[in-house]
């Protein structure tokens, strides 16, 4: 029975320390602008003698409130994380948040070359490819390369 290898996971996404403060600020600004804008629209409409120009400022304030809401919603939506994961089943690299992850199952890898700036592989189907490692932060690059090398040795892949 083969000894299972220790899984490796490295989160490459930058931490977001000010997220709760910024979310609170955008929520407060959206609430204030929407409230002031809608109250202004209501009072102008209720006065009965308002001209079209009198609606300009409340409409601008309401639009600002809506724009703060849109920014808040877009900030909360996950855009994806960057990570490197090596385990018993596969190597998985997601180096850009807006791109799909590279997934290389161990049973399909025939040859694996770990170079300073890229990972070159040949699958048992004959397909070859390379993964550029330039998006891995410099402080983690050597660790990622060494983990992939050790995992390849453990899985019996030709290095």
Protein backbone atom coordinates (compact mmCIF):
# COMPACT_ATOMS: atom_id res chain seq x y z
CA UNK A 1 0.00 0.00 0.00
CA UNK A 2 1.40 3.40 -1.02
CA UNK A 3 1.93 6.02 1.63
CA UNK A 4 -0.38 8.97 0.89
CA UNK A 5 1.41 12.23 0.26
CA UNK A 6 0.75 15.31 2.32
CA UNK A 7 -1.61 17.67 0.45
CA UNK A 8 -0.26 21.14 -0.28
CA UNK A 9 -2.42 24.26 -0.68
CA UNK A 10 -1.15 27.81 -1.14
CA UNK A 11 -3.55 30.74 -1.42
CA UNK A 12 -2.02 33.33 -3.76
CA UNK A 13 -4.85 35.88 -3.49
CA UNK A 14 -3.89 39.05 -1.67
CA UNK A 15 -5.59 39.57 1.68
CA UNK A 16 -8.31 42.22 1.80
CA UNK A 17 -7.98 43.88 5.21
CA UNK A 18 -10.27 46.89 4.65
CA UNK A 19 -13.19 44.99 3.16
CA UNK A 20 -15.58 45.36 6.11
CA UNK A 21 -14.76 49.06 6.60
CA UNK A 22 -15.24 49.83 2.92
CA UNK A 23 -18.45 47.80 2.76
CA UNK A 24 -19.82 49.71 5.71
CA UNK A 25 -18.82 53.04 4.15
CA UNK A 26 -20.42 52.22 0.78
CA UNK A 27 -23.57 50.96 2.52
CA UNK A 28 -23.82 54.15 4.57
CA UNK A 29 -23.25 56.40 1.55
CA UNK A 30 -25.82 54.49 -0.53
CA UNK A 31 -28.40 54.70 2.27
CA UNK A 32 -27.84 58.42 2.86
CA UNK A 33 -27.94 59.41 -0.82
CA UNK A 34 -30.97 57.24 -1.55
CA UNK A 35 -32.87 58.55 1.48
CA UNK A 36 -32.07 62.21 0.74
CA UNK A 37 -32.82 61.77 -2.95
CA UNK A 38 -36.15 60.02 -2.44
CA UNK A 39 -37.22 62.45 0.28
CA UNK A 40 -36.33 65.32 -2.07
CA UNK A 41 -38.29 63.76 -4.92
CA UNK A 42 -41.30 63.20 -2.66
CA UNK A 43 -41.31 66.75 -1.25
CA UNK A 44 -40.99 68.30 -4.72
CA UNK A 45 -43.77 66.10 -6.06
CA UNK A 46 -45.99 66.73 -3.01
CA UNK A 47 -45.59 70.51 -3.29
CA UNK A 48 -47.54 70.38 -6.54
CA UNK A 49 -45.89 73.47 -8.02
CA UNK A 50 -42.44 72.00 -8.79
CA UNK A 51 -40.91 72.53 -12.22
CA UNK A 52 -38.87 69.86 -14.01
CA UNK A 53 -35.65 71.61 -12.96
CA UNK A 54 -36.63 71.22 -9.29
CA UNK A 55 -36.29 67.45 -9.65
CA UNK A 56 -32.66 67.65 -10.83
CA UNK A 57 -30.91 67.65 -7.44
CA UNK A 58 -33.00 64.82 -5.90
CA UNK A 59 -32.51 62.76 -9.07
CA UNK A 60 -28.74 63.30 -8.93
CA UNK A 61 -28.70 62.29 -5.26
CA UNK A 62 -30.74 59.15 -6.01
CA UNK A 63 -28.40 58.28 -8.89
CA UNK A 64 -25.41 58.62 -6.55
CA UNK A 65 -27.09 56.30 -4.06
CA UNK A 66 -27.75 53.74 -6.79
CA UNK A 67 -24.16 53.97 -8.00
CA UNK A 68 -22.87 53.31 -4.47
CA UNK A 69 -25.15 50.26 -4.31
CA UNK A 70 -23.82 48.96 -7.63
CA UNK A 71 -20.21 49.37 -6.47
CA UNK A 72 -21.04 47.64 -3.18
CA UNK A 73 -22.65 44.68 -4.94
CA UNK A 74 -19.75 44.34 -7.38
CA UNK A 75 -17.21 44.42 -4.54
CA UNK A 76 -19.02 41.63 -2.67
CA UNK A 77 -19.23 39.34 -5.69
CA UNK A 78 -16.39 36.82 -5.65
CA UNK A 79 -14.03 37.19 -8.59
CA UNK A 80 -12.10 34.00 -7.92
CA UNK A 81 -9.00 33.18 -5.99
CA UNK A 82 -5.51 32.33 -7.08
CA UNK A 83 -4.03 29.19 -5.59
CA UNK A 84 -1.72 26.22 -6.01
CA UNK A 85 -2.91 22.81 -4.82
CA UNK A 86 -0.97 19.55 -4.99
CA UNK A 87 -2.47 16.33 -3.61
CA UNK A 88 -2.66 12.58 -4.28
CA UNK A 89 -4.98 13.00 -7.27
CA UNK A 90 -3.71 16.05 -9.16
CA UNK A 91 -1.81 19.27 -9.50
CA UNK A 92 -4.14 22.26 -9.69
CA UNK A 93 -2.88 25.76 -10.44
CA UNK A 94 -5.11 28.81 -10.66
CA UNK A 95 -2.71 31.67 -11.17
CA UNK A 96 -5.09 34.38 -12.43
CA UNK A 97 -8.46 35.05 -10.75
CA UNK A 98 -10.25 35.50 -14.09
CA UNK A 99 -8.85 32.36 -15.75
CA UNK A 100 -9.71 28.70 -15.35
CA UNK A 101 -7.49 26.49 -13.21
CA UNK A 102 -4.94 24.17 -14.80
CA UNK A 103 -5.70 20.66 -13.55
CA UNK A 104 -3.23 17.86 -14.23
CA UNK A 105 -4.28 14.45 -12.83
CA UNK A 106 -1.25 12.41 -11.74
CA UNK A 107 -2.31 9.28 -13.63
CA UNK A 108 -2.25 11.20 -16.92
CA UNK A 109 1.17 12.88 -16.44
CA UNK A 110 3.97 11.08 -18.28
CA UNK A 111 6.75 13.68 -17.99
CA UNK A 112 7.09 16.73 -15.78
CA UNK A 113 9.83 19.38 -15.97
CA UNK A 114 9.94 22.06 -13.29
CA UNK A 115 11.94 25.00 -14.60
CA UNK A 116 12.62 28.31 -12.85
CA UNK A 117 9.81 30.17 -14.61
CA UNK A 118 7.51 27.45 -15.99
CA UNK A 119 6.18 23.95 -15.63
CA UNK A 120 6.45 21.76 -18.75
CA UNK A 121 4.42 18.57 -18.93
CA UNK A 122 3.65 15.71 -21.30
CA UNK A 123 0.53 13.69 -20.74
CA UNK A 124 0.22 9.98 -21.45
CA UNK A 125 -2.01 10.89 -24.40
CA UNK A 126 0.96 12.65 -26.03
CA UNK A 127 -0.38 16.16 -25.38
CA UNK A 128 2.35 18.56 -24.22
CA UNK A 129 2.02 21.94 -22.63
CA UNK A 130 3.53 24.42 -20.29
CA UNK A 131 2.27 26.53 -17.45
CA UNK A 132 3.92 29.90 -16.90
CA UNK A 133 4.78 30.40 -13.22
CA UNK A 134 5.50 34.12 -13.45
CA UNK A 135 2.27 34.93 -11.59
CA UNK A 136 3.40 33.02 -8.50
CA UNK A 137 4.86 35.57 -6.05
CA UNK A 138 8.66 35.40 -5.81
CA UNK A 139 8.59 34.52 -2.10
CA UNK A 140 6.51 31.38 -2.83
CA UNK A 141 8.01 30.33 -6.17
CA UNK A 142 10.77 28.06 -4.82
CA UNK A 143 8.36 26.37 -2.40
CA UNK A 144 5.85 25.68 -5.20
CA UNK A 145 8.57 24.27 -7.47
CA UNK A 146 9.96 22.05 -4.71
CA UNK A 147 6.52 20.73 -3.70
CA UNK A 148 5.74 19.83 -7.33
CA UNK A 149 9.14 18.11 -7.70
CA UNK A 150 8.68 16.09 -4.50
CA UNK A 151 5.11 15.15 -5.41
CA UNK A 152 6.27 14.02 -8.86
CA UNK A 153 8.95 11.82 -7.29
CA UNK A 154 6.40 10.41 -4.85
CA UNK A 155 3.98 9.60 -7.68
CA UNK A 156 6.70 8.07 -9.86
CA UNK A 157 6.44 10.65 -12.64
CA UNK A 158 9.50 11.09 -14.84
CA UNK A 159 11.19 14.34 -13.89
